[in-house]
């Protein structure tokens, strides 16, 4: 197993800033991220821009384990970044997330 994940942990938001089954935008060092809170209180992070066209995913709709892009309704599994069908065909990049002392941290690179 390769344990050479690079990047730094960045304090993105308070855990309570994200409602259950919702997403927020987080910008850091010129990059936009989307941070999600699943129904089981697990947190996830992906690129914040749709891979199909330039649309902010945090403006989209979270349903179950999916984010629907607000522009053309492309859907991704936010846990894995997997594109789930047309018009999106390129997966989202995902980022490790941890919650400590009520804060959500994202490992960015």
PDB file of N, CA and C in Angstrom:
ATOM      1  N   UNK A   1       0.842  -1.189   0.000  1.00  0.00           N
ATOM      2  CA  UNK A   1       0.000   0.000   0.000  1.00  0.00           C
ATOM      3  C   UNK A   1       0.879   1.241   0.000  1.00  0.00           C
ATOM      4  N   UNK A   2       0.458   2.244  -0.713  1.00  0.00           N
ATOM      5  CA  UNK A   2       1.239   3.464  -0.841  1.00  0.00           C
ATOM      6  C   UNK A   2       0.719   4.514   0.138  1.00  0.00           C
ATOM      7  N   UNK A   3       1.522   4.885   1.107  1.00  0.00           N
ATOM      8  CA  UNK A   3       1.131   5.871   2.107  1.00  0.00           C
ATOM      9  C   UNK A   3       1.755   7.234   1.848  1.00  0.00           C
ATOM     10  N   UNK A   4       2.081   7.534   0.614  1.00  0.00           N
ATOM     11  CA  UNK A   4       2.769   8.778   0.302  1.00  0.00           C
ATOM     12  C   UNK A   4       1.811   9.850  -0.209  1.00  0.00           C
ATOM     13  N   UNK A   5       0.651   9.945   0.403  1.00  0.00           N
ATOM     14  CA  UNK A   5      -0.290  11.004   0.030  1.00  0.00           C
ATOM     15  C   UNK A   5       0.327  12.335   0.438  1.00  0.00           C
ATOM     16  N   UNK A   6       0.400  13.227  -0.524  1.00  0.00           N
ATOM     17  CA  UNK A   6       0.966  14.536  -0.240  1.00  0.00           C
ATOM     18  C   UNK A   6      -0.150  15.545  -0.036  1.00  0.00           C
ATOM     19  N   UNK A   7       0.240  16.701   0.403  1.00  0.00           N
ATOM     20  CA  UNK A   7      -0.736  17.767   0.590  1.00  0.00           C
ATOM     21  C   UNK A   7      -0.801  18.181   2.046  1.00  0.00           C
ATOM     22  N   UNK A   8      -1.542  19.250   2.261  1.00  0.00           N
ATOM     23  CA  UNK A   8      -1.678  19.768   3.614  1.00  0.00           C
ATOM     24  C   UNK A   8      -3.145  19.715   4.029  1.00  0.00           C
ATOM     25  N   UNK A   9      -3.371  19.548   5.321  1.00  0.00           N
ATOM     26  CA  UNK A   9      -4.723  19.597   5.863  1.00  0.00           C
ATOM     27  C   UNK A   9      -5.106  21.058   6.057  1.00  0.00           C
ATOM     28  N   UNK A  10      -6.228  21.451   5.473  1.00  0.00           N
ATOM     29  CA  UNK A  10      -6.694  22.834   5.541  1.00  0.00           C
ATOM     30  C   UNK A  10      -8.037  22.862   6.265  1.00  0.00           C
ATOM     31  N   UNK A  11      -8.164  23.775   7.213  1.00  0.00           N
ATOM     32  CA  UNK A  11      -9.418  23.969   7.941  1.00  0.00           C
ATOM     33  C   UNK A  11     -10.407  24.621   6.988  1.00  0.00           C
ATOM     34  N   UNK A  12     -11.453  23.871   6.610  1.00  0.00           N
ATOM     35  CA  UNK A  12     -12.388  24.342   5.595  1.00  0.00           C
ATOM     36  C   UNK A  12     -13.618  25.027   6.179  1.00  0.00           C
ATOM     37  N   UNK A  13     -14.150  24.481   7.284  1.00  0.00           N
ATOM     38  CA  UNK A  13     -15.389  25.026   7.837  1.00  0.00           C
ATOM     39  C   UNK A  13     -15.713  24.314   9.145  1.00  0.00           C
ATOM     40  N   UNK A  14     -16.728  24.809   9.828  1.00  0.00           N
ATOM     41  CA  UNK A  14     -17.260  24.095  10.991  1.00  0.00           C
ATOM     42  C   UNK A  14     -18.147  22.971  10.476  1.00  0.00           C
ATOM     43  N   UNK A  15     -18.116  21.830  11.154  1.00  0.00           N
ATOM     44  CA  UNK A  15     -18.953  20.699  10.751  1.00  0.00           C
ATOM     45  C   UNK A  15     -20.423  21.104  10.677  1.00  0.00           C
ATOM     46  N   UNK A  16     -20.843  21.961  11.584  1.00  0.00           N
ATOM     47  CA  UNK A  16     -22.249  22.388  11.623  1.00  0.00           C
ATOM     48  C   UNK A  16     -22.617  23.344  10.483  1.00  0.00           C
ATOM     49  N   UNK A  17     -21.620  23.834   9.731  1.00  0.00           N
ATOM     50  CA  UNK A  17     -21.900  24.728   8.607  1.00  0.00           C
ATOM     51  C   UNK A  17     -22.565  24.005   7.443  1.00  0.00           C
ATOM     52  N   UNK A  18     -22.469  22.671   7.426  1.00  0.00           N
ATOM     53  CA  UNK A  18     -23.043  21.889   6.333  1.00  0.00           C
ATOM     54  C   UNK A  18     -24.224  21.095   6.880  1.00  0.00           C
ATOM     55  N   UNK A  19     -25.391  21.344   6.338  1.00  0.00           N
ATOM     56  CA  UNK A  19     -26.566  20.581   6.729  1.00  0.00           C
ATOM     57  C   UNK A  19     -26.447  19.148   6.234  1.00  0.00           C
ATOM     58  N   UNK A  20     -27.157  18.241   6.890  1.00  0.00           N
ATOM     59  CA  UNK A  20     -27.182  16.851   6.452  1.00  0.00           C
ATOM     60  C   UNK A  20     -27.707  16.785   5.024  1.00  0.00           C
ATOM     61  N   UNK A  21     -27.068  15.947   4.198  1.00  0.00           N
ATOM     62  CA  UNK A  21     -27.389  15.805   2.777  1.00  0.00           C
ATOM     63  C   UNK A  21     -27.308  17.137   2.032  1.00  0.00           C
ATOM     64  N   UNK A  22     -26.199  17.848   2.267  1.00  0.00           N
ATOM     65  CA  UNK A  22     -26.010  19.130   1.603  1.00  0.00           C
ATOM     66  C   UNK A  22     -24.546  19.287   1.207  1.00  0.00           C
ATOM     67  N   UNK A  23     -24.247  20.405   0.566  1.00  0.00           N
ATOM     68  CA  UNK A  23     -22.912  20.694   0.057  1.00  0.00           C
ATOM     69  C   UNK A  23     -22.647  22.182   0.239  1.00  0.00           C
ATOM     70  N   UNK A  24     -21.376  22.520   0.466  1.00  0.00           N
ATOM     71  CA  UNK A  24     -20.964  23.921   0.492  1.00  0.00           C
ATOM     72  C   UNK A  24     -19.725  24.085  -0.373  1.00  0.00           C
ATOM     73  N   UNK A  25     -19.499  25.308  -0.787  1.00  0.00           N
ATOM     74  CA  UNK A  25     -18.310  25.666  -1.555  1.00  0.00           C
ATOM     75  C   UNK A  25     -17.201  26.048  -0.592  1.00  0.00           C
ATOM     76  N   UNK A  26     -15.967  25.651  -0.963  1.00  0.00           N
ATOM     77  CA  UNK A  26     -14.785  26.024  -0.205  1.00  0.00           C
ATOM     78  C   UNK A  26     -13.702  26.378  -1.210  1.00  0.00           C
ATOM     79  N   UNK A  27     -13.153  27.580  -1.104  1.00  0.00           N
ATOM     80  CA  UNK A  27     -12.078  28.029  -1.985  1.00  0.00           C
ATOM     81  C   UNK A  27     -10.778  28.114  -1.207  1.00  0.00           C
ATOM     82  N   UNK A  28      -9.718  27.593  -1.821  1.00  0.00           N
ATOM     83  CA  UNK A  28      -8.400  27.641  -1.180  1.00  0.00           C
ATOM     84  C   UNK A  28      -7.328  27.664  -2.268  1.00  0.00           C
ATOM     85  N   UNK A  29      -6.415  28.621  -2.165  1.00  0.00           N
ATOM     86  CA  UNK A  29      -5.254  28.732  -3.058  1.00  0.00           C
ATOM     87  C   UNK A  29      -5.656  28.672  -4.532  1.00  0.00           C
ATOM     88  N   UNK A  30      -6.714  29.390  -4.874  1.00  0.00           N
ATOM     89  CA  UNK A  30      -7.138  29.474  -6.258  1.00  0.00           C
ATOM     90  C   UNK A  30      -7.924  28.290  -6.784  1.00  0.00           C
ATOM     91  N   UNK A  31      -8.254  27.345  -5.916  1.00  0.00           N
ATOM     92  CA  UNK A  31      -9.033  26.182  -6.346  1.00  0.00           C
ATOM     93  C   UNK A  31     -10.360  26.147  -5.593  1.00  0.00           C
ATOM     94  N   UNK A  32     -11.400  25.675  -6.286  1.00  0.00           N
ATOM     95  CA  UNK A  32     -12.719  25.549  -5.691  1.00  0.00           C
ATOM     96  C   UNK A  32     -12.997  24.086  -5.375  1.00  0.00           C
ATOM     97  N   UNK A  33     -13.465  23.844  -4.161  1.00  0.00           N
ATOM     98  CA  UNK A  33     -13.815  22.507  -3.684  1.00  0.00           C
ATOM     99  C   UNK A  33     -15.293  22.480  -3.323  1.00  0.00           C
ATOM    100  N   UNK A  34     -15.853  21.288  -3.287  1.00  0.00           N
ATOM    101  CA  UNK A  34     -17.206  21.073  -2.779  1.00  0.00           C
ATOM    102  C   UNK A  34     -17.076  20.114  -1.597  1.00  0.00           C
ATOM    103  N   UNK A  35     -17.685  20.483  -0.474  1.00  0.00           N
ATOM    104  CA  UNK A  35     -17.635  19.641   0.726  1.00  0.00           C
ATOM    105  C   UNK A  35     -19.058  19.191   1.040  1.00  0.00           C
ATOM    106  N   UNK A  36     -19.214  17.892   1.229  1.00  0.00           N
ATOM    107  CA  UNK A  36     -20.526  17.277   1.392  1.00  0.00           C
ATOM    108  C   UNK A  36     -20.666  16.652   2.777  1.00  0.00           C
ATOM    109  N   UNK A  37     -21.906  16.633   3.258  1.00  0.00           N
ATOM    110  CA  UNK A  37     -22.222  15.928   4.495  1.00  0.00           C
ATOM    111  C   UNK A  37     -23.278  14.880   4.166  1.00  0.00           C
ATOM    112  N   UNK A  38     -22.896  13.614   4.316  1.00  0.00           N
ATOM    113  CA  UNK A  38     -23.800  12.503   4.023  1.00  0.00           C
ATOM    114  C   UNK A  38     -24.807  12.327   5.165  1.00  0.00           C
ATOM    115  N   UNK A  39     -25.885  11.578   4.917  1.00  0.00           N
ATOM    116  CA  UNK A  39     -26.894  11.355   5.955  1.00  0.00           C
ATOM    117  C   UNK A  39     -26.345  10.706   7.226  1.00  0.00           C
ATOM    118  N   UNK A  40     -25.241   9.963   7.109  1.00  0.00           N
ATOM    119  CA  UNK A  40     -24.649   9.313   8.291  1.00  0.00           C
ATOM    120  C   UNK A  40     -23.584  10.182   8.962  1.00  0.00           C
ATOM    121  N   UNK A  41     -23.565  11.486   8.641  1.00  0.00           N
ATOM    122  CA  UNK A  41     -22.613  12.450   9.195  1.00  0.00           C
ATOM    123  C   UNK A  41     -21.161  12.197   8.777  1.00  0.00           C
ATOM    124  N   UNK A  42     -20.968  11.514   7.666  1.00  0.00           N
ATOM    125  CA  UNK A  42     -19.649  11.387   7.064  1.00  0.00           C
ATOM    126  C   UNK A  42     -19.475  12.560   6.107  1.00  0.00           C
ATOM    127  N   UNK A  43     -18.265  13.100   6.043  1.00  0.00           N
ATOM    128  CA  UNK A  43     -17.974  14.259   5.195  1.00  0.00           C
ATOM    129  C   UNK A  43     -17.077  13.829   4.036  1.00  0.00           C
ATOM    130  N   UNK A  44     -17.295  14.457   2.878  1.00  0.00           N
ATOM    131  CA  UNK A  44     -16.547  14.163   1.661  1.00  0.00           C
ATOM    132  C   UNK A  44     -16.172  15.480   0.989  1.00  0.00           C
ATOM    133  N   UNK A  45     -15.141  15.418   0.134  1.00  0.00           N
ATOM    134  CA  UNK A  45     -14.745  16.603  -0.636  1.00  0.00           C
ATOM    135  C   UNK A  45     -14.366  16.184  -2.046  1.00  0.00           C
ATOM    136  N   UNK A  46     -14.780  17.019  -3.007  1.00  0.00           N
ATOM    137  CA  UNK A  46     -14.425  16.809  -4.413  1.00  0.00           C
ATOM    138  C   UNK A  46     -14.000  18.150  -5.000  1.00  0.00           C
ATOM    139  N   UNK A  47     -13.506  18.084  -6.242  1.00  0.00           N
ATOM    140  CA  UNK A  47     -13.362  19.325  -6.994  1.00  0.00           C
ATOM    141  C   UNK A  47     -14.703  20.029  -6.958  1.00  0.00           C
ATOM    142  N   UNK A  48     -14.689  21.343  -6.938  1.00  0.00           N
ATOM    143  CA  UNK A  48     -15.931  22.086  -6.840  1.00  0.00           C
ATOM    144  C   UNK A  48     -16.502  22.541  -8.167  1.00  0.00           C
ATOM    145  N   UNK A  49     -15.817  22.212  -9.262  1.00  0.00           N
ATOM    146  CA  UNK A  49     -16.245  22.627 -10.597  1.00  0.00           C
ATOM    147  C   UNK A  49     -16.607  21.379 -11.400  1.00  0.00           C
ATOM    148  N   UNK A  50     -17.756  21.399 -12.040  1.00  0.00           N
ATOM    149  CA  UNK A  50     -18.195  20.278 -12.872  1.00  0.00           C
ATOM    150  C   UNK A  50     -17.181  20.027 -13.991  1.00  0.00           C
ATOM    151  N   UNK A  51     -16.941  18.745 -14.295  1.00  0.00           N
ATOM    152  CA  UNK A  51     -15.991  18.385 -15.345  1.00  0.00           C
ATOM    153  C   UNK A  51     -16.577  18.539 -16.749  1.00  0.00           C
ATOM    154  N   UNK A  52     -17.865  18.764 -16.859  1.00  0.00           N
ATOM    155  CA  UNK A  52     -18.514  18.908 -18.167  1.00  0.00           C
ATOM    156  C   UNK A  52     -18.406  20.344 -18.679  1.00  0.00           C
ATOM    157  N   UNK A  53     -18.871  21.285 -17.873  1.00  0.00           N
ATOM    158  CA  UNK A  53     -18.745  22.704 -18.189  1.00  0.00           C
ATOM    159  C   UNK A  53     -18.529  23.429 -16.875  1.00  0.00           C
ATOM    160  N   UNK A  54     -18.043  24.625 -16.956  1.00  0.00           N
ATOM    161  CA  UNK A  54     -17.690  25.370 -15.751  1.00  0.00           C
ATOM    162  C   UNK A  54     -18.943  25.757 -14.951  1.00  0.00           C
ATOM    163  N   UNK A  55     -19.294  24.916 -14.008  1.00  0.00           N
ATOM    164  CA  UNK A  55     -20.436  25.188 -13.129  1.00  0.00           C
ATOM    165  C   UNK A  55     -20.013  24.836 -11.706  1.00  0.00           C
ATOM    166  N   UNK A  56     -20.458  25.627 -10.757  1.00  0.00           N
ATOM    167  CA  UNK A  56     -20.121  25.416  -9.349  1.00  0.00           C
ATOM    168  C   UNK A  56     -21.024  24.323  -8.781  1.00  0.00           C
ATOM    169  N   UNK A  57     -20.430  23.216  -8.376  1.00  0.00           N
ATOM    170  CA  UNK A  57     -21.223  22.089  -7.886  1.00  0.00           C
ATOM    171  C   UNK A  57     -21.983  22.400  -6.603  1.00  0.00           C
ATOM    172  N   UNK A  58     -21.456  23.296  -5.780  1.00  0.00           N
ATOM    173  CA  UNK A  58     -22.150  23.644  -4.532  1.00  0.00           C
ATOM    174  C   UNK A  58     -23.494  24.311  -4.796  1.00  0.00           C
ATOM    175  N   UNK A  59     -23.725  24.756  -6.030  1.00  0.00           N
ATOM    176  CA  UNK A  59     -25.023  25.313  -6.414  1.00  0.00           C
ATOM    177  C   UNK A  59     -25.986  24.221  -6.868  1.00  0.00           C
ATOM    178  N   UNK A  60     -25.506  22.983  -6.897  1.00  0.00           N
ATOM    179  CA  UNK A  60     -26.313  21.862  -7.364  1.00  0.00           C
ATOM    180  C   UNK A  60     -27.144  21.238  -6.245  1.00  0.00           C
ATOM    181  N   UNK A  61     -27.742  20.126  -6.577  1.00  0.00           N
ATOM    182  CA  UNK A  61     -28.655  19.427  -5.680  1.00  0.00           C
ATOM    183  C   UNK A  61     -28.023  18.127  -5.205  1.00  0.00           C
ATOM    184  N   UNK A  62     -27.998  17.919  -3.877  1.00  0.00           N
ATOM    185  CA  UNK A  62     -27.511  16.669  -3.301  1.00  0.00           C
ATOM    186  C   UNK A  62     -28.705  15.744  -3.120  1.00  0.00           C
ATOM    187  N   UNK A  63     -28.571  14.526  -3.637  1.00  0.00           N
ATOM    188  CA  UNK A  63     -29.603  13.494  -3.496  1.00  0.00           C
ATOM    189  C   UNK A  63     -28.899  12.195  -3.144  1.00  0.00           C
ATOM    190  N   UNK A  64     -29.233  11.651  -1.982  1.00  0.00           N
ATOM    191  CA  UNK A  64     -28.573  10.433  -1.527  1.00  0.00           C
ATOM    192  C   UNK A  64     -27.055  10.647  -1.563  1.00  0.00           C
ATOM    193  N   UNK A  65     -26.337   9.853  -2.362  1.00  0.00           N
ATOM    194  CA  UNK A  65     -24.875   9.961  -2.444  1.00  0.00           C
ATOM    195  C   UNK A  65     -24.428  10.648  -3.724  1.00  0.00           C
ATOM    196  N   UNK A  66     -25.306  11.470  -4.307  1.00  0.00           N
ATOM    197  CA  UNK A  66     -25.005  12.117  -5.581  1.00  0.00           C
ATOM    198  C   UNK A  66     -25.099  13.629  -5.462  1.00  0.00           C
ATOM    199  N   UNK A  67     -24.310  14.279  -6.317  1.00  0.00           N
ATOM    200  CA  UNK A  67     -24.451  15.716  -6.534  1.00  0.00           C
ATOM    201  C   UNK A  67     -24.869  15.886  -7.986  1.00  0.00           C
ATOM    202  N   UNK A  68     -25.895  16.705  -8.197  1.00  0.00           N
ATOM    203  CA  UNK A  68     -26.368  16.999  -9.545  1.00  0.00           C
ATOM    204  C   UNK A  68     -25.910  18.399  -9.915  1.00  0.00           C
ATOM    205  N   UNK A  69     -25.190  18.508 -11.012  1.00  0.00           N
ATOM    206  CA  UNK A  69     -24.701  19.798 -11.485  1.00  0.00           C
ATOM    207  C   UNK A  69     -25.881  20.709 -11.818  1.00  0.00           C
ATOM    208  N   UNK A  70     -25.801  21.986 -11.424  1.00  0.00           N
ATOM    209  CA  UNK A  70     -26.913  22.896 -11.678  1.00  0.00           C
ATOM    210  C   UNK A  70     -27.050  23.318 -13.144  1.00  0.00           C
ATOM    211  N   UNK A  71     -26.029  23.072 -13.960  1.00  0.00           N
ATOM    212  CA  UNK A  71     -26.057  23.573 -15.340  1.00  0.00           C
ATOM    213  C   UNK A  71     -26.760  22.613 -16.306  1.00  0.00           C
ATOM    214  N   UNK A  72     -26.322  21.353 -16.341  1.00  0.00           N
ATOM    215  CA  UNK A  72     -26.896  20.401 -17.294  1.00  0.00           C
ATOM    216  C   UNK A  72     -27.346  19.108 -16.623  1.00  0.00           C
ATOM    217  N   UNK A  73     -27.471  19.127 -15.314  1.00  0.00           N
ATOM    218  CA  UNK A  73     -27.993  17.993 -14.542  1.00  0.00           C
ATOM    219  C   UNK A  73     -27.124  16.738 -14.589  1.00  0.00           C
ATOM    220  N   UNK A  74     -25.844  16.893 -14.914  1.00  0.00           N
ATOM    221  CA  UNK A  74     -24.935  15.758 -14.813  1.00  0.00           C
ATOM    222  C   UNK A  74     -24.801  15.361 -13.349  1.00  0.00           C
ATOM    223  N   UNK A  75     -24.624  14.079 -13.107  1.00  0.00           N
ATOM    224  CA  UNK A  75     -24.561  13.591 -11.725  1.00  0.00           C
ATOM    225  C   UNK A  75     -23.263  12.847 -11.449  1.00  0.00           C
ATOM    226  N   UNK A  76     -22.788  13.040 -10.213  1.00  0.00           N
ATOM    227  CA  UNK A  76     -21.576  12.381  -9.739  1.00  0.00           C
ATOM    228  C   UNK A  76     -21.861  11.724  -8.389  1.00  0.00           C
ATOM    229  N   UNK A  77     -21.194  10.614  -8.117  1.00  0.00           N
ATOM    230  CA  UNK A  77     -21.180  10.043  -6.772  1.00  0.00           C
ATOM    231  C   UNK A  77     -20.133  10.838  -6.001  1.00  0.00           C
ATOM    232  N   UNK A  78     -20.553  11.627  -5.032  1.00  0.00           N
ATOM    233  CA  UNK A  78     -19.595  12.499  -4.343  1.00  0.00           C
ATOM    234  C   UNK A  78     -18.653  11.723  -3.423  1.00  0.00           C
ATOM    235  N   UNK A  79     -18.958  10.473  -3.127  1.00  0.00           N
ATOM    236  CA  UNK A  79     -18.056   9.664  -2.286  1.00  0.00           C
ATOM    237  C   UNK A  79     -16.827   9.228  -3.066  1.00  0.00           C
ATOM    238  N   UNK A  80     -17.004   8.957  -4.353  1.00  0.00           N
ATOM    239  CA  UNK A  80     -15.925   8.428  -5.186  1.00  0.00           C
ATOM    240  C   UNK A  80     -15.507   9.373  -6.311  1.00  0.00           C
ATOM    241  N   UNK A  81     -16.358  10.368  -6.623  1.00  0.00           N
ATOM    242  CA  UNK A  81     -16.110  11.262  -7.734  1.00  0.00           C
ATOM    243  C   UNK A  81     -16.584  10.721  -9.066  1.00  0.00           C
ATOM    244  N   UNK A  82     -17.104   9.492  -9.092  1.00  0.00           N
ATOM    245  CA  UNK A  82     -17.505   8.815 -10.326  1.00  0.00           C
ATOM    246  C   UNK A  82     -18.611   9.568 -11.060  1.00  0.00           C
ATOM    247  N   UNK A  83     -18.375   9.823 -12.358  1.00  0.00           N
ATOM    248  CA  UNK A  83     -19.390  10.407 -13.224  1.00  0.00           C
ATOM    249  C   UNK A  83     -20.444   9.330 -13.489  1.00  0.00           C
ATOM    250  N   UNK A  84     -21.722   9.696 -13.338  1.00  0.00           N
ATOM    251  CA  UNK A  84     -22.793   8.702 -13.400  1.00  0.00           C
ATOM    252  C   UNK A  84     -23.601   8.732 -14.690  1.00  0.00           C
ATOM    253  N   UNK A  85     -23.118   9.399 -15.714  1.00  0.00           N
ATOM    254  CA  UNK A  85     -23.809   9.378 -16.995  1.00  0.00           C
ATOM    255  C   UNK A  85     -23.848  10.732 -17.664  1.00  0.00           C
ATOM    256  N   UNK A  86     -24.246  10.704 -18.934  1.00  0.00           N
ATOM    257  CA  UNK A  86     -24.273  11.913 -19.758  1.00  0.00           C
ATOM    258  C   UNK A  86     -25.073  13.019 -19.081  1.00  0.00           C
ATOM    259  N   UNK A  87     -24.628  14.255 -19.229  1.00  0.00           N
ATOM    260  CA  UNK A  87     -23.549  14.699 -20.108  1.00  0.00           C
ATOM    261  C   UNK A  87     -22.155  14.599 -19.479  1.00  0.00           C
ATOM    262  N   UNK A  88     -22.039  14.208 -18.216  1.00  0.00           N
ATOM    263  CA  UNK A  88     -20.708  14.129 -17.604  1.00  0.00           C
ATOM    264  C   UNK A  88     -20.082  12.766 -17.891  1.00  0.00           C
ATOM    265  N   UNK A  89     -18.796  12.772 -18.236  1.00  0.00           N
ATOM    266  CA  UNK A  89     -18.101  11.516 -18.507  1.00  0.00           C
ATOM    267  C   UNK A  89     -16.724  11.477 -17.849  1.00  0.00           C
ATOM    268  N   UNK A  90     -16.297  12.591 -17.264  1.00  0.00           N
ATOM    269  CA  UNK A  90     -15.007  12.659 -16.576  1.00  0.00           C
ATOM    270  C   UNK A  90     -15.282  12.739 -15.084  1.00  0.00           C
ATOM    271  N   UNK A  91     -14.665  11.827 -14.327  1.00  0.00           N
ATOM    272  CA  UNK A  91     -14.854  11.785 -12.873  1.00  0.00           C
ATOM    273  C   UNK A  91     -14.316  13.039 -12.206  1.00  0.00           C
ATOM    274  N   UNK A  92     -14.848  13.332 -11.025  1.00  0.00           N
ATOM    275  CA  UNK A  92     -14.332  14.408 -10.180  1.00  0.00           C
ATOM    276  C   UNK A  92     -13.160  13.898  -9.371  1.00  0.00           C
ATOM    277  N   UNK A  93     -12.220  14.742  -9.092  1.00  0.00           N
ATOM    278  CA  UNK A  93     -11.140  14.414  -8.172  1.00  0.00           C
ATOM    279  C   UNK A  93     -11.706  14.508  -6.749  1.00  0.00           C
ATOM    280  N   UNK A  94     -11.339  13.559  -5.906  1.00  0.00           N
ATOM    281  CA  UNK A  94     -11.776  13.572  -4.514  1.00  0.00           C
ATOM    282  C   UNK A  94     -10.596  13.864  -3.604  1.00  0.00           C
ATOM    283  N   UNK A  95     -10.910  14.314  -2.389  1.00  0.00           N
ATOM    284  CA  UNK A  95      -9.880  14.699  -1.422  1.00  0.00           C
ATOM    285  C   UNK A  95     -10.216  14.103  -0.064  1.00  0.00           C
ATOM    286  N   UNK A  96      -9.196  13.666   0.688  1.00  0.00           N
ATOM    287  CA  UNK A  96      -9.446  13.154   2.033  1.00  0.00           C
ATOM    288  C   UNK A  96     -10.029  14.236   2.943  1.00  0.00           C
ATOM    289  N   UNK A  97     -10.905  13.820   3.836  1.00  0.00           N
ATOM    290  CA  UNK A  97     -11.553  14.725   4.783  1.00  0.00           C
ATOM    291  C   UNK A  97     -11.469  14.113   6.174  1.00  0.00           C
ATOM    292  N   UNK A  98     -11.278  14.970   7.169  1.00  0.00           N
ATOM    293  CA  UNK A  98     -11.356  14.535   8.568  1.00  0.00           C
ATOM    294  C   UNK A  98     -12.066  15.615   9.362  1.00  0.00           C
ATOM    295  N   UNK A  99     -12.698  15.197  10.450  1.00  0.00           N
ATOM    296  CA  UNK A  99     -13.372  16.134  11.343  1.00  0.00           C
ATOM    297  C   UNK A  99     -12.697  16.034  12.694  1.00  0.00           C
ATOM    298  N   UNK A 100     -12.252  17.187  13.204  1.00  0.00           N
ATOM    299  CA  UNK A 100     -11.606  17.259  14.521  1.00  0.00           C
ATOM    300  C   UNK A 100     -12.138  18.461  15.261  1.00  0.00           C
ATOM    301  N   UNK A 101     -12.553  18.244  16.490  1.00  0.00           N
ATOM    302  CA  UNK A 101     -13.043  19.321  17.348  1.00  0.00           C
ATOM    303  C   UNK A 101     -14.111  20.175  16.658  1.00  0.00           C
ATOM    304  N   UNK A 102     -14.998  19.498  15.913  1.00  0.00           N
ATOM    305  CA  UNK A 102     -16.093  20.202  15.266  1.00  0.00           C
ATOM    306  C   UNK A 102     -15.716  20.964  14.009  1.00  0.00           C
ATOM    307  N   UNK A 103     -14.497  20.786  13.522  1.00  0.00           N
ATOM    308  CA  UNK A 103     -14.034  21.459  12.298  1.00  0.00           C
ATOM    309  C   UNK A 103     -13.789  20.421  11.202  1.00  0.00           C
ATOM    310  N   UNK A 104     -14.087  20.791   9.970  1.00  0.00           N
ATOM    311  CA  UNK A 104     -13.859  19.922   8.806  1.00  0.00           C
ATOM    312  C   UNK A 104     -12.556  20.346   8.154  1.00  0.00           C
ATOM    313  N   UNK A 105     -11.650  19.387   7.978  1.00  0.00           N
ATOM    314  CA  UNK A 105     -10.361  19.602   7.334  1.00  0.00           C
ATOM    315  C   UNK A 105     -10.306  18.822   6.032  1.00  0.00           C
ATOM    316  N   UNK A 106      -9.769  19.443   4.998  1.00  0.00           N
ATOM    317  CA  UNK A 106      -9.607  18.809   3.691  1.00  0.00           C
ATOM    318  C   UNK A 106      -8.119  18.761   3.379  1.00  0.00           C
ATOM    319  N   UNK A 107      -7.670  17.598   2.905  1.00  0.00           N
ATOM    320  CA  UNK A 107      -6.258  17.493   2.493  1.00  0.00           C
ATOM    321  C   UNK A 107      -6.171  17.916   1.035  1.00  0.00           C
ATOM    322  N   UNK A 108      -5.562  19.068   0.810  1.00  0.00           N
ATOM    323  CA  UNK A 108      -5.424  19.630  -0.530  1.00  0.00           C
ATOM    324  C   UNK A 108      -4.005  19.401  -1.032  1.00  0.00           C
ATOM    325  N   UNK A 109      -3.855  19.451  -2.336  1.00  0.00           N
ATOM    326  CA  UNK A 109      -2.503  19.296  -2.887  1.00  0.00           C
ATOM    327  C   UNK A 109      -2.288  20.189  -4.061  1.00  0.00           C
TER     328      UNK A 109
END
